[in-house]
Amino acid sequence: MMRKLLPSLLAGLLLAGSLPLQAQDAPSQKSLIERGKAHFAKKEFKQAYDRFFDAFEADPTSSEINFWMGRSAFEAGDFESAVMAFERMLISDPEASRVELELARSYFHLGLMDTARNHFQNVLSKQPPEPVARNIGYHLEQISLREKARRKHRFFGSAALGLSWDTNARVSPENTEIDTLLGPVFLTGAAADEDSDLITTTTFSLIHRYKRPGQGRYWETSAIVYSAFNKQEDDLDLNYLHLSTGPLWDKTDCSFSLQAHASHISKDYATYQTELGASVPFACVLSKSLLLMSNLRLDYKEYKEDADRHAVNASFELRPILIRGRNQLTAELRLEHEDSNLDYKSYNRAVTSLQYERKLPANFSAYGRYRFQYTSFKENDPLFSNKQKDRVHEFKAGLRRQISPGIAAELNHAYTKANSDVALYEYTRDLTSFIVTVAF
């Protein structure tokens, strides 16, 4: 439940603290409200919502605008947006029974029966008029019937198809002459050339969630299957399988899980690497405008063709997300340590990134991201005099469009520049991708 509810609650809480992007005079705002009401009266609920949202950007604290936004979204079948609007109003006025009733109805249609029932019962405890009480009674009866019939098992996931153009498919170094302890070595063959290639990718994810006895307690099992097929460099074809399972605790504002996982990577259809491990993902709404996500992970890696490289990897990731109106800022900090049987393959790594995303008209959004990765290896590689230290810079920009509630398309481009104290690992790369994702 948390994965579906958390974005709605987050956005609903966050927008309450957003600032108007541009001041508008009263007549302009009044005109937007009147146009929204006119669309609503004609049952043009999507157009009504858009007008009220325009007015909302100028005055996000207006109870009238938020109420009409919620009603328009509800009638248009966009119950998550309705929840956002009504939640904002309850923050300002927790005793607004009519608003809480509309919020309960919205949660009811989202299928979040526990939350809907709590709000219905709260309104009922205030002794509303008889017609309202009968309506609440009807909804409570429907919730009871649905809960009796509701299965304890839920499935959801996504499927994605991508097409990418990679200007350096083999991640070949910029220079073909590499200095080693044995003297200069000149690279030849496929590894020496920065070959471009067209890559087709498929990603399929499936999540099964079992409701355990008790409030907000689940057992979650997930599977991810990823494949990359190169048109020219087919020996680089990649297949990845990841399985995880474990208990999940999902509360109103936070979720916490303890997952055991395993993964398998094959390269050119031969086993390359396997992993076994555990992780502790966590997500929590800290305030009206801030979501915090983290993950603590421990893995044991085995390399099929190189047993000496077997390693233990530990990592911690922290990801705060700040949302204000149509703007979203996401930061990342990840610390990683790998202890390999080969000391010169052991390393410490730090990754930081910052991404800004802006929602645009017509369900578009645009984003830009900078990512930096620093890796310091424990010992010198026997072939090189320098201890390897890598610094990888990535610049990425993309455009997304939500075609429908379950279908999205994205076009992005990433430029990567890798610097290293060992010339073999210095490279540049451009990767342009188009991806279509279907969620179910």
Protein backbone atom coordinates (compact mmCIF):
# COMPACT_ATOMS: atom_id res chain seq x y z
CA MET A 1 0.00 0.00 0.00
CA MET A 2 2.81 2.39 0.87
CA ARG A 3 4.18 2.58 -2.67
CA LYS A 4 0.82 3.59 -4.04
CA LEU A 5 -0.26 5.84 -1.19
CA LEU A 6 3.05 7.54 -0.42
CA PRO A 7 3.31 9.60 -3.65
CA SER A 8 -0.29 10.78 -3.25
CA LEU A 9 0.15 11.73 0.41
CA LEU A 10 3.50 13.33 -0.32
CA ALA A 11 2.21 15.48 -3.16
CA GLY A 12 -0.91 16.31 -1.17
CA LEU A 13 1.16 17.48 1.78
CA LEU A 14 3.93 19.12 -0.20
CA LEU A 15 1.86 21.38 -2.38
CA ALA A 16 0.37 22.94 0.73
CA GLY A 17 3.76 24.48 1.39
CA SER A 18 4.47 25.56 -2.18
CA LEU A 19 4.86 29.21 -2.99
CA PRO A 20 3.09 30.94 -5.86
CA LEU A 21 5.36 31.05 -8.86
CA GLN A 22 4.08 34.39 -10.01
CA ALA A 23 1.69 36.84 -8.41
CA GLN A 24 -1.54 37.43 -10.26
CA ASP A 25 -4.05 40.18 -9.74
CA ALA A 26 -7.41 39.38 -8.17
CA PRO A 27 -9.52 39.74 -11.33
CA SER A 28 -7.30 37.27 -13.22
CA GLN A 29 -7.56 34.72 -10.44
CA LYS A 30 -11.31 35.30 -10.14
CA SER A 31 -11.64 34.76 -13.88
CA LEU A 32 -9.83 31.43 -13.62
CA ILE A 33 -12.14 30.30 -10.85
CA GLU A 34 -15.24 31.32 -12.78
CA ARG A 35 -14.00 29.51 -15.90
CA GLY A 36 -13.30 26.42 -13.80
CA LYS A 37 -16.83 26.49 -12.35
CA ALA A 38 -18.28 26.90 -15.83
CA HIS A 39 -16.41 23.81 -17.05
CA PHE A 40 -17.54 21.92 -13.94
CA ALA A 41 -21.18 22.84 -14.57
CA LYS A 42 -20.81 21.47 -18.12
CA LYS A 43 -19.25 18.28 -16.67
CA GLU A 44 -15.95 19.11 -18.36
CA PHE A 45 -14.10 18.04 -15.25
CA LYS A 46 -10.57 17.76 -16.70
CA GLN A 47 -10.74 21.28 -18.11
CA ALA A 48 -12.19 22.49 -14.82
CA TYR A 49 -9.29 20.97 -12.89
CA ASP A 50 -6.74 22.63 -15.19
CA ARG A 51 -8.31 26.08 -14.62
CA PHE A 52 -8.45 25.60 -10.86
CA PHE A 53 -4.83 24.40 -10.87
CA ASP A 54 -3.79 27.59 -12.69
CA ALA A 55 -5.51 29.60 -9.97
CA PHE A 56 -3.94 27.36 -7.31
CA GLU A 57 -0.43 28.22 -8.47
CA ALA A 58 -1.15 31.87 -7.64
CA ASP A 59 -2.80 31.11 -4.28
CA PRO A 60 -2.15 27.54 -3.00
CA THR A 61 -3.72 28.33 0.40
CA SER A 62 -7.16 29.22 -0.94
CA SER A 63 -9.78 26.85 0.51
CA GLU A 64 -12.20 27.59 -2.33
CA ILE A 65 -9.65 26.74 -5.03
CA ASN A 66 -8.49 23.57 -3.29
CA PHE A 67 -12.06 22.39 -2.76
CA TRP A 68 -13.00 22.86 -6.41
CA MET A 69 -9.74 21.23 -7.49
CA GLY A 70 -10.59 18.22 -5.35
CA ARG A 71 -14.16 18.00 -6.62
CA SER A 72 -13.06 18.34 -10.26
CA ALA A 73 -10.37 15.69 -9.87
CA PHE A 74 -12.82 13.35 -8.15
CA GLU A 75 -15.43 13.68 -10.90
CA ALA A 76 -12.71 13.20 -13.54
CA GLY A 77 -11.68 9.94 -11.87
CA ASP A 78 -8.30 11.30 -10.76
CA PHE A 79 -8.72 10.26 -7.14
CA GLU A 80 -5.06 10.73 -6.20
CA SER A 81 -5.20 14.42 -7.17
CA ALA A 82 -8.46 14.71 -5.24
CA VAL A 83 -6.72 13.31 -2.17
CA MET A 84 -3.96 15.92 -2.55
CA ALA A 85 -6.41 18.80 -2.60
CA PHE A 86 -8.55 17.62 0.32
CA GLU A 87 -5.50 16.73 2.43
CA ARG A 88 -4.22 20.28 1.99
CA MET A 89 -7.52 21.65 3.23
CA LEU A 90 -7.55 19.40 6.30
CA ILE A 91 -4.08 20.61 7.21
CA SER A 92 -5.47 24.15 7.37
CA ASP A 93 -8.79 23.17 8.98
CA PRO A 94 -8.80 19.70 10.61
CA GLU A 95 -12.45 20.13 11.67
CA ALA A 96 -13.81 20.63 8.13
CA SER A 97 -16.26 17.70 8.07
CA ARG A 98 -17.39 18.22 4.46
CA VAL A 99 -13.79 18.17 3.29
CA GLU A 100 -13.02 15.04 5.31
CA LEU A 101 -16.08 13.36 3.82
CA GLU A 102 -14.84 14.12 0.30
CA LEU A 103 -11.39 12.85 1.29
CA ALA A 104 -12.93 9.61 2.60
CA ARG A 105 -14.81 9.11 -0.67
CA SER A 106 -11.60 9.67 -2.62
CA TYR A 107 -9.69 7.09 -0.59
CA PHE A 108 -12.63 4.71 -1.02
CA HIS A 109 -12.35 4.92 -4.80
CA LEU A 110 -8.57 4.47 -4.61
CA GLY A 111 -9.21 1.19 -2.83
CA LEU A 112 -7.50 2.31 0.40
CA MET A 113 -10.29 0.99 2.58
CA ASP A 114 -8.62 1.27 6.00
CA THR A 115 -7.88 4.96 5.50
CA ALA A 116 -11.31 5.64 4.00
CA ARG A 117 -13.06 3.94 6.92
CA ASN A 118 -11.12 5.97 9.49
CA HIS A 119 -12.19 9.23 7.84
CA PHE A 120 -15.81 8.10 7.39
CA GLN A 121 -16.03 7.12 11.05
CA ASN A 122 -14.49 10.42 12.14
CA VAL A 123 -17.12 12.37 10.20
CA LEU A 124 -19.87 10.12 11.56
CA SER A 125 -18.73 10.76 15.14
CA LYS A 126 -19.54 14.46 14.66
CA GLN A 127 -23.25 13.61 14.14
CA PRO A 128 -23.75 14.92 10.59
CA PRO A 129 -27.24 15.42 9.05
CA GLU A 130 -29.25 12.24 8.49
CA PRO A 131 -28.72 12.06 4.68
CA VAL A 132 -24.95 12.36 5.18
CA ALA A 133 -25.02 9.72 7.91
CA ARG A 134 -26.91 7.33 5.63
CA ASN A 135 -24.37 7.92 2.86
CA ILE A 136 -21.52 7.18 5.24
CA GLY A 137 -23.31 4.08 6.47
CA TYR A 138 -23.61 2.85 2.88
CA HIS A 139 -19.88 3.35 2.27
CA LEU A 140 -18.93 1.63 5.54
CA GLU A 141 -21.10 -1.32 4.58
CA GLN A 142 -19.43 -1.49 1.17
CA ILE A 143 -16.01 -1.38 2.82
CA SER A 144 -16.97 -4.32 5.06
CA LEU A 145 -18.23 -6.30 2.09
CA ARG A 146 -15.11 -5.58 0.06
CA GLU A 147 -12.82 -6.47 2.93
CA LYS A 148 -14.53 -9.84 3.31
CA ALA A 149 -14.11 -10.49 -0.39
CA ARG A 150 -10.72 -8.89 -0.72
CA ARG A 151 -7.91 -11.26 -1.51
CA LYS A 152 -4.83 -11.15 0.65
CA HIS A 153 -2.64 -11.30 -2.45
CA ARG A 154 -1.90 -8.34 -4.73
CA PHE A 155 0.21 -8.20 -7.87
CA PHE A 156 1.53 -5.11 -9.64
CA GLY A 157 4.51 -4.17 -11.74
CA SER A 158 5.70 -2.67 -15.03
CA ALA A 159 7.12 -3.52 -18.44
CA ALA A 160 9.45 -1.28 -20.45
CA LEU A 161 10.89 -1.35 -23.95
CA GLY A 162 13.87 0.85 -24.82
CA LEU A 163 16.02 1.72 -27.81
CA SER A 164 19.45 3.28 -27.25
CA TRP A 165 22.32 4.60 -29.38
CA ASP A 166 25.66 4.13 -27.63
CA THR A 167 28.75 5.82 -29.08
CA ASN A 168 31.15 3.66 -27.05
CA ALA A 169 29.48 0.30 -26.54
CA ARG A 170 32.64 -1.43 -25.26
CA VAL A 171 33.65 1.50 -23.02
CA SER A 172 36.98 1.60 -24.88
CA PRO A 173 39.69 3.95 -23.56
CA GLU A 174 40.43 7.25 -25.26
CA ASN A 175 44.04 6.27 -25.95
CA THR A 176 45.18 3.00 -27.50
CA GLU A 177 48.68 3.33 -26.00
CA ILE A 178 48.68 2.30 -22.34
CA ASP A 179 51.73 2.63 -20.06
CA THR A 180 52.39 -0.47 -17.94
CA LEU A 181 55.25 -1.74 -15.77
CA LEU A 182 56.30 -3.83 -18.76
CA GLY A 183 56.40 -0.79 -21.01
CA PRO A 184 53.90 0.70 -23.46
CA VAL A 185 51.12 -1.60 -24.63
CA PHE A 186 49.14 -0.85 -27.78
CA LEU A 187 45.53 -1.99 -27.77
CA THR A 188 44.27 -3.77 -30.86
CA GLY A 189 41.06 -5.39 -31.97
CA ALA A 190 37.58 -4.56 -30.72
CA ALA A 191 38.80 -3.12 -27.41
CA ALA A 192 40.81 -0.45 -29.21
CA ASP A 193 37.91 1.17 -31.06
CA GLU A 194 35.09 3.31 -29.75
CA ASP A 195 32.41 1.39 -31.61
CA SER A 196 28.86 2.76 -31.76
CA ASP A 197 25.94 0.40 -31.51
CA LEU A 198 22.16 0.27 -31.40
CA ILE A 199 20.88 -1.44 -28.25
CA THR A 200 17.40 -2.78 -27.55
CA THR A 201 16.48 -3.14 -23.87
CA THR A 202 13.57 -4.80 -22.12
CA THR A 203 12.71 -4.52 -18.43
CA PHE A 204 9.98 -6.42 -16.64
CA SER A 205 9.21 -6.09 -12.93
CA LEU A 206 6.59 -7.91 -10.89
CA ILE A 207 5.73 -7.41 -7.21
CA HIS A 208 3.61 -9.72 -5.09
CA ARG A 209 2.39 -8.36 -1.76
CA TYR A 210 0.75 -10.60 0.83
CA LYS A 211 -1.28 -8.97 3.62
CA ARG A 212 -0.23 -10.38 6.97
CA PRO A 213 -2.34 -10.13 10.14
CA GLY A 214 -2.05 -6.69 11.72
CA GLN A 215 -2.23 -3.11 10.50
CA GLY A 216 0.25 -2.26 7.73
CA ARG A 217 2.07 -5.61 7.79
CA TYR A 218 2.94 -7.35 4.51
CA TRP A 219 5.27 -9.87 2.94
CA GLU A 220 6.64 -8.57 -0.34
CA THR A 221 8.33 -10.55 -3.09
CA SER A 222 9.65 -8.95 -6.28
CA ALA A 223 11.35 -9.97 -9.50
CA ILE A 224 13.19 -7.86 -12.09
CA VAL A 225 14.26 -9.17 -15.48
CA TYR A 226 16.42 -6.93 -17.68
CA SER A 227 17.94 -7.69 -21.08
CA ALA A 228 20.11 -5.66 -23.46
CA PHE A 229 20.64 -6.78 -27.05
CA ASN A 230 23.37 -5.16 -29.16
CA LYS A 231 22.85 -5.00 -32.92
CA GLN A 232 26.56 -5.16 -33.85
CA GLU A 233 28.53 -6.05 -30.73
CA ASP A 234 26.35 -9.04 -29.85
CA ASP A 235 28.99 -10.56 -27.57
CA LEU A 236 28.03 -7.74 -25.17
CA ASP A 237 24.42 -8.95 -24.87
CA LEU A 238 23.41 -8.81 -21.21
CA ASN A 239 20.74 -10.56 -19.15
CA TYR A 240 20.01 -9.72 -15.52
CA LEU A 241 17.67 -11.40 -13.04
CA HIS A 242 17.00 -10.08 -9.53
CA LEU A 243 14.76 -11.69 -6.90
CA SER A 244 13.96 -10.34 -3.43
CA THR A 245 11.59 -11.25 -0.62
CA GLY A 246 10.93 -10.19 2.95
CA PRO A 247 8.59 -8.52 5.46
CA LEU A 248 7.30 -4.98 4.88
CA TRP A 249 5.87 -2.60 7.47
CA ASP A 250 3.77 0.17 5.93
CA LYS A 251 2.58 2.95 8.21
CA THR A 252 0.83 6.21 7.36
CA ASP A 253 3.94 8.26 6.61
CA CYS A 254 6.75 5.70 6.55
CA SER A 255 7.55 2.26 5.17
CA PHE A 256 10.33 -0.11 6.21
CA SER A 257 11.36 -3.47 4.79
CA LEU A 258 13.89 -6.22 5.39
CA GLN A 259 14.70 -7.99 2.12
CA ALA A 260 16.80 -11.01 1.21
CA HIS A 261 17.83 -10.97 -2.43
CA ALA A 262 19.71 -12.85 -5.13
CA SER A 263 20.78 -11.84 -8.63
CA HIS A 264 22.32 -13.42 -11.71
CA ILE A 265 24.13 -11.65 -14.57
CA SER A 266 24.98 -13.34 -17.84
CA LYS A 267 27.10 -11.81 -20.57
CA ASP A 268 26.90 -13.24 -24.08
CA TYR A 269 24.54 -15.86 -22.54
CA ALA A 270 27.21 -17.22 -20.18
CA THR A 271 27.12 -16.67 -16.42
CA TYR A 272 29.27 -13.67 -15.49
CA GLN A 273 28.34 -12.84 -11.88
CA THR A 274 25.97 -13.97 -9.12
CA GLU A 275 25.03 -12.17 -5.90
CA LEU A 276 23.41 -13.07 -2.58
CA GLY A 277 22.59 -10.48 0.02
CA ALA A 278 20.18 -8.50 2.15
CA SER A 279 18.91 -4.92 2.16
CA VAL A 280 16.92 -2.59 4.40
CA PRO A 281 15.00 -0.01 2.30
CA PHE A 282 13.23 2.82 4.14
CA ALA A 283 11.03 5.73 3.03
CA CYS A 284 9.40 8.45 5.12
CA VAL A 285 7.58 11.76 4.69
CA LEU A 286 9.49 14.13 6.99
CA SER A 287 7.52 17.31 6.32
CA LYS A 288 5.10 18.92 3.91
CA SER A 289 7.85 19.29 1.33
CA LEU A 290 10.41 16.59 2.04
CA LEU A 291 10.56 12.84 1.45
CA LEU A 292 13.58 10.84 2.63
CA MET A 293 14.56 7.46 1.23
CA SER A 294 17.46 5.26 2.26
CA ASN A 295 18.82 1.77 1.67
CA LEU A 296 21.41 -0.27 3.55
CA ARG A 297 22.70 -3.25 1.59
CA LEU A 298 25.16 -6.14 1.96
CA ASP A 299 26.09 -8.54 -0.89
CA TYR A 300 28.39 -11.44 -1.56
CA LYS A 301 29.55 -11.50 -5.21
CA GLU A 302 30.90 -14.46 -7.13
CA TYR A 303 32.54 -14.19 -10.57
CA LYS A 304 32.08 -17.34 -12.63
CA GLU A 305 35.28 -17.06 -14.68
CA ASP A 306 37.48 -15.46 -12.00
CA ALA A 307 37.12 -16.99 -8.53
CA ASP A 308 39.91 -14.76 -7.21
CA ARG A 309 37.59 -11.75 -7.65
CA HIS A 310 34.89 -13.01 -5.26
CA ALA A 311 33.99 -10.12 -2.99
CA VAL A 312 31.82 -8.75 -0.20
CA ASN A 313 30.13 -5.44 -0.97
CA ALA A 314 28.47 -3.10 1.54
CA SER A 315 26.67 0.12 0.61
CA PHE A 316 24.47 2.82 2.11
CA GLU A 317 22.32 5.18 0.06
CA LEU A 318 20.51 8.34 1.15
CA ARG A 319 18.07 10.09 -1.20
CA PRO A 320 16.15 13.22 -0.08
CA ILE A 321 13.41 14.52 -2.41
CA LEU A 322 12.12 18.08 -2.19
CA ILE A 323 8.91 19.06 -4.02
CA ARG A 324 7.51 22.55 -4.44
CA GLY A 325 4.58 22.93 -6.80
CA ARG A 326 5.65 21.72 -10.23
CA ASN A 327 9.31 21.51 -9.19
CA GLN A 328 11.16 18.50 -7.79
CA LEU A 329 14.75 18.37 -6.55
CA THR A 330 16.34 14.99 -5.85
CA ALA A 331 19.76 14.50 -4.27
CA GLU A 332 21.69 11.26 -3.81
CA LEU A 333 24.59 10.18 -1.64
CA ARG A 334 25.85 6.61 -1.81
CA LEU A 335 28.86 5.16 0.00
CA GLU A 336 30.16 1.75 -1.02
CA HIS A 337 32.96 -0.55 0.07
CA GLU A 338 34.00 -3.74 -1.72
CA ASP A 339 36.42 -6.21 -0.17
CA SER A 340 37.71 -8.53 -2.87
CA ASN A 341 39.96 -11.58 -2.61
CA LEU A 342 42.27 -9.56 -4.86
CA ASP A 343 43.40 -6.47 -2.97
CA TYR A 344 43.84 -4.45 -6.15
CA LYS A 345 40.15 -5.09 -6.92
CA SER A 346 39.00 -3.89 -3.47
CA TYR A 347 37.78 -0.32 -3.40
CA ASN A 348 35.95 2.49 -1.65
CA ARG A 349 33.40 4.43 -3.69
CA ALA A 350 31.34 7.58 -3.18
CA VAL A 351 28.52 8.63 -5.49
CA THR A 352 26.66 11.94 -5.44
CA SER A 353 24.01 13.26 -7.80
CA LEU A 354 21.58 16.14 -8.07
CA GLN A 355 18.51 16.16 -10.32
CA TYR A 356 15.99 18.91 -11.03
CA GLU A 357 12.65 18.06 -12.63
CA ARG A 358 9.92 20.43 -13.76
CA LYS A 359 6.36 19.50 -14.66
CA LEU A 360 5.25 21.04 -17.94
CA PRO A 361 1.86 21.42 -19.65
CA ALA A 362 0.19 18.49 -21.45
CA ASN A 363 1.55 15.92 -18.95
CA PHE A 364 5.17 16.55 -19.95
CA SER A 365 8.07 16.90 -17.55
CA ALA A 366 11.72 17.75 -18.15
CA TYR A 367 14.74 16.98 -16.00
CA GLY A 368 18.46 17.47 -15.80
CA ARG A 369 20.94 15.56 -13.65
CA TYR A 370 24.61 15.66 -12.73
CA ARG A 371 26.22 12.57 -11.20
CA PHE A 372 29.75 12.15 -9.88
CA GLN A 373 31.38 8.87 -8.89
CA TYR A 374 34.77 8.61 -7.16
CA THR A 375 36.46 5.23 -6.70
CA SER A 376 39.73 4.56 -4.90
CA PHE A 377 41.24 1.08 -5.10
CA LYS A 378 43.07 -0.48 -2.17
CA GLU A 379 46.27 -1.60 -3.91
CA ASN A 380 48.11 -1.08 -7.18
CA ASP A 381 47.19 -3.32 -10.08
CA PRO A 382 50.29 -5.51 -10.75
CA LEU A 383 50.41 -4.18 -14.33
CA PHE A 384 50.48 -0.47 -13.41
CA SER A 385 52.68 1.77 -11.31
CA ASN A 386 49.81 4.02 -10.19
CA LYS A 387 47.13 3.10 -7.70
CA GLN A 388 43.85 3.32 -9.58
CA LYS A 389 41.56 6.24 -8.71
CA ASP A 390 38.59 6.86 -11.00
CA ARG A 391 36.49 10.02 -11.32
CA VAL A 392 33.38 9.63 -13.47
CA HIS A 393 31.20 12.60 -14.43
CA GLU A 394 27.78 12.11 -15.98
CA PHE A 395 25.48 14.79 -17.38
CA LYS A 396 21.97 13.70 -18.27
CA ALA A 397 18.84 15.45 -19.54
CA GLY A 398 15.48 14.03 -20.47
CA LEU A 399 11.87 14.67 -21.39
CA ARG A 400 8.98 12.53 -20.14
CA ARG A 401 5.30 12.38 -21.00
CA GLN A 402 2.58 10.59 -19.07
CA ILE A 403 0.47 9.37 -21.97
CA SER A 404 -2.15 7.80 -19.71
CA PRO A 405 -2.26 6.77 -16.02
CA GLY A 406 -0.42 3.54 -16.85
CA ILE A 407 1.72 4.48 -19.86
CA ALA A 408 4.73 6.82 -20.00
CA ALA A 409 7.36 7.64 -22.62
CA GLU A 410 10.82 9.15 -22.09
CA LEU A 411 13.60 10.49 -24.31
CA ASN A 412 16.96 11.18 -22.65
CA HIS A 413 20.63 11.74 -23.41
CA ALA A 414 23.60 11.10 -21.14
CA TYR A 415 27.22 12.19 -21.61
CA THR A 416 29.86 10.40 -19.52
CA LYS A 417 33.46 11.47 -19.01
CA ALA A 418 35.71 9.12 -17.01
CA ASN A 419 39.11 10.24 -15.72
CA SER A 420 41.53 7.81 -14.08
CA ASP A 421 45.09 7.55 -12.86
CA VAL A 422 45.29 4.46 -15.11
CA ALA A 423 44.82 5.38 -18.78
CA LEU A 424 43.08 2.09 -19.55
CA TYR A 425 39.99 3.33 -17.67
CA GLU A 426 39.69 6.79 -19.22
CA TYR A 427 36.84 7.08 -21.71
CA THR A 428 33.98 9.21 -23.00
CA ARG A 429 30.52 8.05 -23.96
CA ASP A 430 27.24 9.41 -25.32
CA LEU A 431 24.06 7.43 -24.78
CA THR A 432 20.69 8.47 -26.25
CA SER A 433 17.63 6.45 -25.21
CA PHE A 434 13.91 6.27 -25.89
CA ILE A 435 11.84 4.21 -23.42
CA VAL A 436 8.15 3.35 -23.19
CA THR A 437 6.89 2.02 -19.85
CA VAL A 438 3.57 0.37 -19.08
CA ALA A 439 2.56 0.00 -15.41
CA PHE A 440 -0.08 -2.44 -14.22
